[in-house]
């Protein structure tokens, strides 16, 4: 098992992918399953009064989205991948990898990847809140399933992008850096106006 993981890791780090190569099919499927699940959630009630059919359609589209983002588009568009495994002791371990060859992803593809990755869970949570306000428990369940699929991908890729540090440490580091930048920027402005 360990040898197979090393082979996969070696193949992942050394795949022939120039930084100028575009991935239009990956971008298409990265967005289409996510949008399709949300559209199905919104408009399936127009065609059927049953909750079962829309639930199945949304769950399938969300599962397609989850698998595509986790196994294909994350690797191609941003050079990241993650998975969860259970060790011999029965403990769940998250494994995060980044492309090892140092090639940078295209900015446009990366931007689409990250924006859609963050917007997906937000939309599902908002749809869940609307279903709560409408006292519609079965649609809340569908929204929670969508939020769980997209949220787990978001969590996995955020952890991938930041390495092995915790989310709290990353947030603290970012806030500290922004405070320092703002402090030095505000101190630099009066100095430049007095010297002019």
C-alpha atoms as a PDB file:
ATOM      1  CA  UNK A   1       0.000   0.000   0.000  1.00  0.00           C
ATOM      2  CA  UNK A   2       2.780   2.450   0.896  1.00  0.00           C
ATOM      3  CA  UNK A   3       4.648   1.738  -2.354  1.00  0.00           C
ATOM      4  CA  UNK A   4       1.519   2.483  -4.372  1.00  0.00           C
ATOM      5  CA  UNK A   5       1.040   5.816  -2.569  1.00  0.00           C
ATOM      6  CA  UNK A   6       4.659   6.739  -3.293  1.00  0.00           C
ATOM      7  CA  UNK A   7       4.161   5.873  -6.972  1.00  0.00           C
ATOM      8  CA  UNK A   8       1.045   8.018  -7.117  1.00  0.00           C
ATOM      9  CA  UNK A   9       2.815  10.869  -5.340  1.00  0.00           C
ATOM     10  CA  UNK A  10       5.782  10.651  -7.722  1.00  0.00           C
ATOM     11  CA  UNK A  11       3.478  10.680 -10.716  1.00  0.00           C
ATOM     12  CA  UNK A  12       1.557  13.623  -9.316  1.00  0.00           C
ATOM     13  CA  UNK A  13       4.668  15.717  -8.772  1.00  0.00           C
ATOM     14  CA  UNK A  14       6.198  14.950 -12.140  1.00  0.00           C
ATOM     15  CA  UNK A  15       3.321  15.010 -14.577  1.00  0.00           C
ATOM     16  CA  UNK A  16       4.001  16.790 -17.874  1.00  0.00           C
ATOM     17  CA  UNK A  17       1.953  19.946 -17.481  1.00  0.00           C
ATOM     18  CA  UNK A  18       3.413  23.177 -18.742  1.00  0.00           C
ATOM     19  CA  UNK A  19       2.284  26.274 -16.886  1.00  0.00           C
ATOM     20  CA  UNK A  20       0.954  27.724 -20.144  1.00  0.00           C
ATOM     21  CA  UNK A  21      -1.318  24.735 -20.789  1.00  0.00           C
ATOM     22  CA  UNK A  22      -4.981  25.515 -20.354  1.00  0.00           C
ATOM     23  CA  UNK A  23      -7.617  23.119 -19.097  1.00  0.00           C
ATOM     24  CA  UNK A  24     -10.960  24.226 -20.562  1.00  0.00           C
ATOM     25  CA  UNK A  25     -12.653  20.854 -20.020  1.00  0.00           C
ATOM     26  CA  UNK A  26     -11.575  20.779 -16.380  1.00  0.00           C
ATOM     27  CA  UNK A  27     -12.843  24.330 -15.880  1.00  0.00           C
ATOM     28  CA  UNK A  28     -16.146  23.444 -17.543  1.00  0.00           C
ATOM     29  CA  UNK A  29     -16.771  20.414 -15.341  1.00  0.00           C
ATOM     30  CA  UNK A  30     -15.491  22.234 -12.263  1.00  0.00           C
ATOM     31  CA  UNK A  31     -18.280  24.771 -12.648  1.00  0.00           C
ATOM     32  CA  UNK A  32     -21.069  22.852 -14.426  1.00  0.00           C
ATOM     33  CA  UNK A  33     -21.748  20.199 -11.766  1.00  0.00           C
ATOM     34  CA  UNK A  34     -21.794  22.807  -9.012  1.00  0.00           C
ATOM     35  CA  UNK A  35     -24.112  25.129 -10.901  1.00  0.00           C
ATOM     36  CA  UNK A  36     -26.293  22.221 -12.067  1.00  0.00           C
ATOM     37  CA  UNK A  37     -26.858  21.031  -8.501  1.00  0.00           C
ATOM     38  CA  UNK A  38     -27.942  24.515  -7.400  1.00  0.00           C
ATOM     39  CA  UNK A  39     -30.163  24.980 -10.464  1.00  0.00           C
ATOM     40  CA  UNK A  40     -31.739  21.573  -9.874  1.00  0.00           C
ATOM     41  CA  UNK A  41     -32.384  22.502  -6.247  1.00  0.00           C
ATOM     42  CA  UNK A  42     -34.103  25.707  -7.287  1.00  0.00           C
ATOM     43  CA  UNK A  43     -36.146  24.503 -10.251  1.00  0.00           C
ATOM     44  CA  UNK A  44     -36.980  20.814  -9.686  1.00  0.00           C
ATOM     45  CA  UNK A  45     -40.018  21.815  -7.643  1.00  0.00           C
ATOM     46  CA  UNK A  46     -41.496  23.327 -10.826  1.00  0.00           C
ATOM     47  CA  UNK A  47     -41.648  19.899 -12.458  1.00  0.00           C
ATOM     48  CA  UNK A  48     -42.526  17.578  -9.588  1.00  0.00           C
ATOM     49  CA  UNK A  49     -44.241  17.802  -6.227  1.00  0.00           C
ATOM     50  CA  UNK A  50     -42.124  14.948  -4.872  1.00  0.00           C
ATOM     51  CA  UNK A  51     -39.035  15.710  -2.852  1.00  0.00           C
ATOM     52  CA  UNK A  52     -37.406  12.374  -3.601  1.00  0.00           C
ATOM     53  CA  UNK A  53     -36.586  13.024  -7.270  1.00  0.00           C
ATOM     54  CA  UNK A  54     -35.009  16.461  -6.680  1.00  0.00           C
ATOM     55  CA  UNK A  55     -33.131  15.033  -3.685  1.00  0.00           C
ATOM     56  CA  UNK A  56     -31.651  12.244  -5.807  1.00  0.00           C
ATOM     57  CA  UNK A  57     -30.775  14.627  -8.644  1.00  0.00           C
ATOM     58  CA  UNK A  58     -29.103  17.155  -6.321  1.00  0.00           C
ATOM     59  CA  UNK A  59     -27.205  14.458  -4.419  1.00  0.00           C
ATOM     60  CA  UNK A  60     -25.935  12.893  -7.650  1.00  0.00           C
ATOM     61  CA  UNK A  61     -24.867  16.246  -9.115  1.00  0.00           C
ATOM     62  CA  UNK A  62     -23.219  17.202  -5.816  1.00  0.00           C
ATOM     63  CA  UNK A  63     -21.399  13.866  -5.732  1.00  0.00           C
ATOM     64  CA  UNK A  64     -20.211  14.365  -9.319  1.00  0.00           C
ATOM     65  CA  UNK A  65     -19.023  17.846  -8.356  1.00  0.00           C
ATOM     66  CA  UNK A  66     -17.263  16.550  -5.240  1.00  0.00           C
ATOM     67  CA  UNK A  67     -15.446  13.793  -7.102  1.00  0.00           C
ATOM     68  CA  UNK A  68     -14.500  16.025 -10.036  1.00  0.00           C
ATOM     69  CA  UNK A  69     -13.146  18.820  -7.854  1.00  0.00           C
ATOM     70  CA  UNK A  70     -11.343  16.497  -5.446  1.00  0.00           C
ATOM     71  CA  UNK A  71      -9.776  14.148  -7.983  1.00  0.00           C
ATOM     72  CA  UNK A  72      -9.392  16.101 -11.217  1.00  0.00           C
ATOM     73  CA  UNK A  73      -9.784  19.871 -11.224  1.00  0.00           C
ATOM     74  CA  UNK A  74      -7.854  20.590  -8.034  1.00  0.00           C
ATOM     75  CA  UNK A  75      -4.868  18.727  -9.398  1.00  0.00           C
ATOM     76  CA  UNK A  76      -5.048  20.270 -12.864  1.00  0.00           C
ATOM     77  CA  UNK A  77      -6.118  23.835 -12.074  1.00  0.00           C
ATOM     78  CA  UNK A  78      -4.187  24.632  -8.881  1.00  0.00           C
ATOM     79  CA  UNK A  79      -1.760  21.728  -8.434  1.00  0.00           C
ATOM     80  CA  UNK A  80      -3.269  20.527  -5.158  1.00  0.00           C
ATOM     81  CA  UNK A  81      -4.920  17.335  -3.985  1.00  0.00           C
ATOM     82  CA  UNK A  82      -6.104  15.842  -0.732  1.00  0.00           C
ATOM     83  CA  UNK A  83      -7.613  12.676   0.614  1.00  0.00           C
ATOM     84  CA  UNK A  84      -8.564  11.073   3.875  1.00  0.00           C
ATOM     85  CA  UNK A  85      -7.345   7.664   4.951  1.00  0.00           C
ATOM     86  CA  UNK A  86      -7.782   5.469   7.989  1.00  0.00           C
ATOM     87  CA  UNK A  87      -4.584   4.083   9.497  1.00  0.00           C
ATOM     88  CA  UNK A  88      -4.051   0.716  11.211  1.00  0.00           C
ATOM     89  CA  UNK A  89      -5.196   2.159  14.567  1.00  0.00           C
ATOM     90  CA  UNK A  90      -8.518   3.236  13.063  1.00  0.00           C
ATOM     91  CA  UNK A  91      -7.654   6.937  13.175  1.00  0.00           C
ATOM     92  CA  UNK A  92      -8.658   9.168  10.305  1.00  0.00           C
ATOM     93  CA  UNK A  93      -5.769  11.053   8.706  1.00  0.00           C
ATOM     94  CA  UNK A  94      -5.978  13.858   6.188  1.00  0.00           C
ATOM     95  CA  UNK A  95      -3.261  13.849   3.543  1.00  0.00           C
ATOM     96  CA  UNK A  96      -2.469  17.053   1.633  1.00  0.00           C
ATOM     97  CA  UNK A  97      -0.200  17.399  -1.382  1.00  0.00           C
ATOM     98  CA  UNK A  98       0.952  20.243  -3.570  1.00  0.00           C
ATOM     99  CA  UNK A  99       2.684  19.995  -6.925  1.00  0.00           C
ATOM    100  CA  UNK A 100       6.369  19.486  -6.176  1.00  0.00           C
ATOM    101  CA  UNK A 101       7.897  20.766  -9.395  1.00  0.00           C
ATOM    102  CA  UNK A 102       7.293  24.441  -8.572  1.00  0.00           C
ATOM    103  CA  UNK A 103       5.243  25.201 -11.671  1.00  0.00           C
ATOM    104  CA  UNK A 104       2.609  27.838 -11.031  1.00  0.00           C
ATOM    105  CA  UNK A 105      -0.986  27.381 -12.194  1.00  0.00           C
ATOM    106  CA  UNK A 106      -2.543  29.873 -14.574  1.00  0.00           C
ATOM    107  CA  UNK A 107      -3.933  32.838 -12.662  1.00  0.00           C
ATOM    108  CA  UNK A 108      -7.260  32.807 -14.516  1.00  0.00           C
ATOM    109  CA  UNK A 109      -7.845  29.097 -13.894  1.00  0.00           C
ATOM    110  CA  UNK A 110      -6.770  29.376 -10.292  1.00  0.00           C
ATOM    111  CA  UNK A 111      -9.072  32.336  -9.713  1.00  0.00           C
ATOM    112  CA  UNK A 112     -12.090  30.494 -11.155  1.00  0.00           C
ATOM    113  CA  UNK A 113     -11.237  27.424  -9.082  1.00  0.00           C
ATOM    114  CA  UNK A 114     -10.983  29.304  -5.778  1.00  0.00           C
ATOM    115  CA  UNK A 115     -13.976  31.599  -6.346  1.00  0.00           C
ATOM    116  CA  UNK A 116     -16.269  28.719  -7.197  1.00  0.00           C
ATOM    117  CA  UNK A 117     -14.862  26.693  -4.322  1.00  0.00           C
ATOM    118  CA  UNK A 118     -15.740  29.437  -1.818  1.00  0.00           C
ATOM    119  CA  UNK A 119     -19.047  30.504  -3.369  1.00  0.00           C
ATOM    120  CA  UNK A 120     -20.511  26.980  -3.489  1.00  0.00           C
ATOM    121  CA  UNK A 121     -20.803  26.390   0.278  1.00  0.00           C
ATOM    122  CA  UNK A 122     -22.013  29.961   0.814  1.00  0.00           C
ATOM    123  CA  UNK A 123     -24.853  29.449  -1.676  1.00  0.00           C
ATOM    124  CA  UNK A 124     -25.836  26.130  -0.071  1.00  0.00           C
ATOM    125  CA  UNK A 125     -25.873  27.681   3.412  1.00  0.00           C
ATOM    126  CA  UNK A 126     -28.036  30.549   2.141  1.00  0.00           C
ATOM    127  CA  UNK A 127     -30.424  28.072   0.509  1.00  0.00           C
ATOM    128  CA  UNK A 128     -30.542  26.181   3.799  1.00  0.00           C
ATOM    129  CA  UNK A 129     -31.392  29.371   5.687  1.00  0.00           C
ATOM    130  CA  UNK A 130     -34.182  30.116   3.218  1.00  0.00           C
ATOM    131  CA  UNK A 131     -35.602  26.628   3.721  1.00  0.00           C
ATOM    132  CA  UNK A 132     -35.493  27.175   7.502  1.00  0.00           C
ATOM    133  CA  UNK A 133     -37.380  30.448   7.117  1.00  0.00           C
ATOM    134  CA  UNK A 134     -39.950  28.663   4.959  1.00  0.00           C
ATOM    135  CA  UNK A 135     -40.227  25.834   7.533  1.00  0.00           C
ATOM    136  CA  UNK A 136     -39.306  23.360   4.814  1.00  0.00           C
ATOM    137  CA  UNK A 137     -37.321  20.580   6.517  1.00  0.00           C
ATOM    138  CA  UNK A 138     -36.910  18.289   3.500  1.00  0.00           C
ATOM    139  CA  UNK A 139     -35.383  21.057   1.382  1.00  0.00           C
ATOM    140  CA  UNK A 140     -33.138  21.918   4.323  1.00  0.00           C
ATOM    141  CA  UNK A 141     -31.838  18.349   4.210  1.00  0.00           C
ATOM    142  CA  UNK A 142     -31.030  18.711   0.494  1.00  0.00           C
ATOM    143  CA  UNK A 143     -29.237  22.014   1.149  1.00  0.00           C
ATOM    144  CA  UNK A 144     -27.245  20.439   3.983  1.00  0.00           C
ATOM    145  CA  UNK A 145     -26.107  17.626   1.689  1.00  0.00           C
ATOM    146  CA  UNK A 146     -24.953  20.190  -0.898  1.00  0.00           C
ATOM    147  CA  UNK A 147     -23.193  22.200   1.812  1.00  0.00           C
ATOM    148  CA  UNK A 148     -21.478  19.069   3.153  1.00  0.00           C
ATOM    149  CA  UNK A 149     -20.093  18.071  -0.251  1.00  0.00           C
ATOM    150  CA  UNK A 150     -18.880  21.548  -1.201  1.00  0.00           C
ATOM    151  CA  UNK A 151     -17.735  22.378   2.326  1.00  0.00           C
ATOM    152  CA  UNK A 152     -15.542  19.296   2.596  1.00  0.00           C
ATOM    153  CA  UNK A 153     -13.822  20.157  -0.686  1.00  0.00           C
ATOM    154  CA  UNK A 154     -13.334  23.727   0.523  1.00  0.00           C
ATOM    155  CA  UNK A 155     -11.825  22.507   3.798  1.00  0.00           C
ATOM    156  CA  UNK A 156      -9.537  20.046   2.020  1.00  0.00           C
ATOM    157  CA  UNK A 157      -8.215  22.559  -0.484  1.00  0.00           C
ATOM    158  CA  UNK A 158      -7.757  25.360   2.023  1.00  0.00           C
ATOM    159  CA  UNK A 159      -5.725  22.968   4.153  1.00  0.00           C
ATOM    160  CA  UNK A 160      -3.764  21.925   1.038  1.00  0.00           C
ATOM    161  CA  UNK A 161      -3.011  25.504   0.085  1.00  0.00           C
ATOM    162  CA  UNK A 162      -1.734  26.406   3.544  1.00  0.00           C
ATOM    163  CA  UNK A 163       0.352  23.294   4.098  1.00  0.00           C
ATOM    164  CA  UNK A 164       0.336  21.513   7.438  1.00  0.00           C
ATOM    165  CA  UNK A 165      -0.483  24.553   9.564  1.00  0.00           C
ATOM    166  CA  UNK A 166      -3.836  24.868  11.270  1.00  0.00           C
ATOM    167  CA  UNK A 167      -6.591  27.141  10.006  1.00  0.00           C
ATOM    168  CA  UNK A 168      -6.372  29.238  13.178  1.00  0.00           C
ATOM    169  CA  UNK A 169      -2.612  29.750  12.742  1.00  0.00           C
ATOM    170  CA  UNK A 170      -3.086  30.744   9.110  1.00  0.00           C
ATOM    171  CA  UNK A 171      -5.845  33.217   9.971  1.00  0.00           C
ATOM    172  CA  UNK A 172      -3.752  34.721  12.774  1.00  0.00           C
ATOM    173  CA  UNK A 173      -0.747  35.022  10.488  1.00  0.00           C
ATOM    174  CA  UNK A 174      -2.828  36.693   7.764  1.00  0.00           C
ATOM    175  CA  UNK A 175      -4.419  39.168  10.181  1.00  0.00           C
ATOM    176  CA  UNK A 176      -1.047  39.948  11.750  1.00  0.00           C
ATOM    177  CA  UNK A 177       0.496  40.554   8.332  1.00  0.00           C
ATOM    178  CA  UNK A 178      -2.388  42.844   7.298  1.00  0.00           C
ATOM    179  CA  UNK A 179      -2.089  44.849  10.538  1.00  0.00           C
ATOM    180  CA  UNK A 180       1.643  45.299   9.982  1.00  0.00           C
ATOM    181  CA  UNK A 181       1.106  46.309   6.345  1.00  0.00           C
ATOM    182  CA  UNK A 182      -1.533  48.864   7.334  1.00  0.00           C
ATOM    183  CA  UNK A 183       0.640  50.207  10.156  1.00  0.00           C
ATOM    184  CA  UNK A 184       3.673  50.650   7.948  1.00  0.00           C
ATOM    185  CA  UNK A 185       1.581  52.043   5.097  1.00  0.00           C
ATOM    186  CA  UNK A 186       0.025  54.675   7.359  1.00  0.00           C
ATOM    187  CA  UNK A 187       3.446  55.596   8.799  1.00  0.00           C
ATOM    188  CA  UNK A 188       4.978  55.841   5.331  1.00  0.00           C
ATOM    189  CA  UNK A 189       2.341  58.266   4.023  1.00  0.00           C
ATOM    190  CA  UNK A 190       3.050  61.143   6.438  1.00  0.00           C
ATOM    191  CA  UNK A 191       6.801  60.728   5.913  1.00  0.00           C
ATOM    192  CA  UNK A 192       6.452  60.978   2.150  1.00  0.00           C
ATOM    193  CA  UNK A 193       4.195  64.074   2.364  1.00  0.00           C
ATOM    194  CA  UNK A 194       6.586  65.924   4.715  1.00  0.00           C
ATOM    195  CA  UNK A 195       9.599  65.286   2.494  1.00  0.00           C
ATOM    196  CA  UNK A 196       7.817  66.533  -0.621  1.00  0.00           C
END
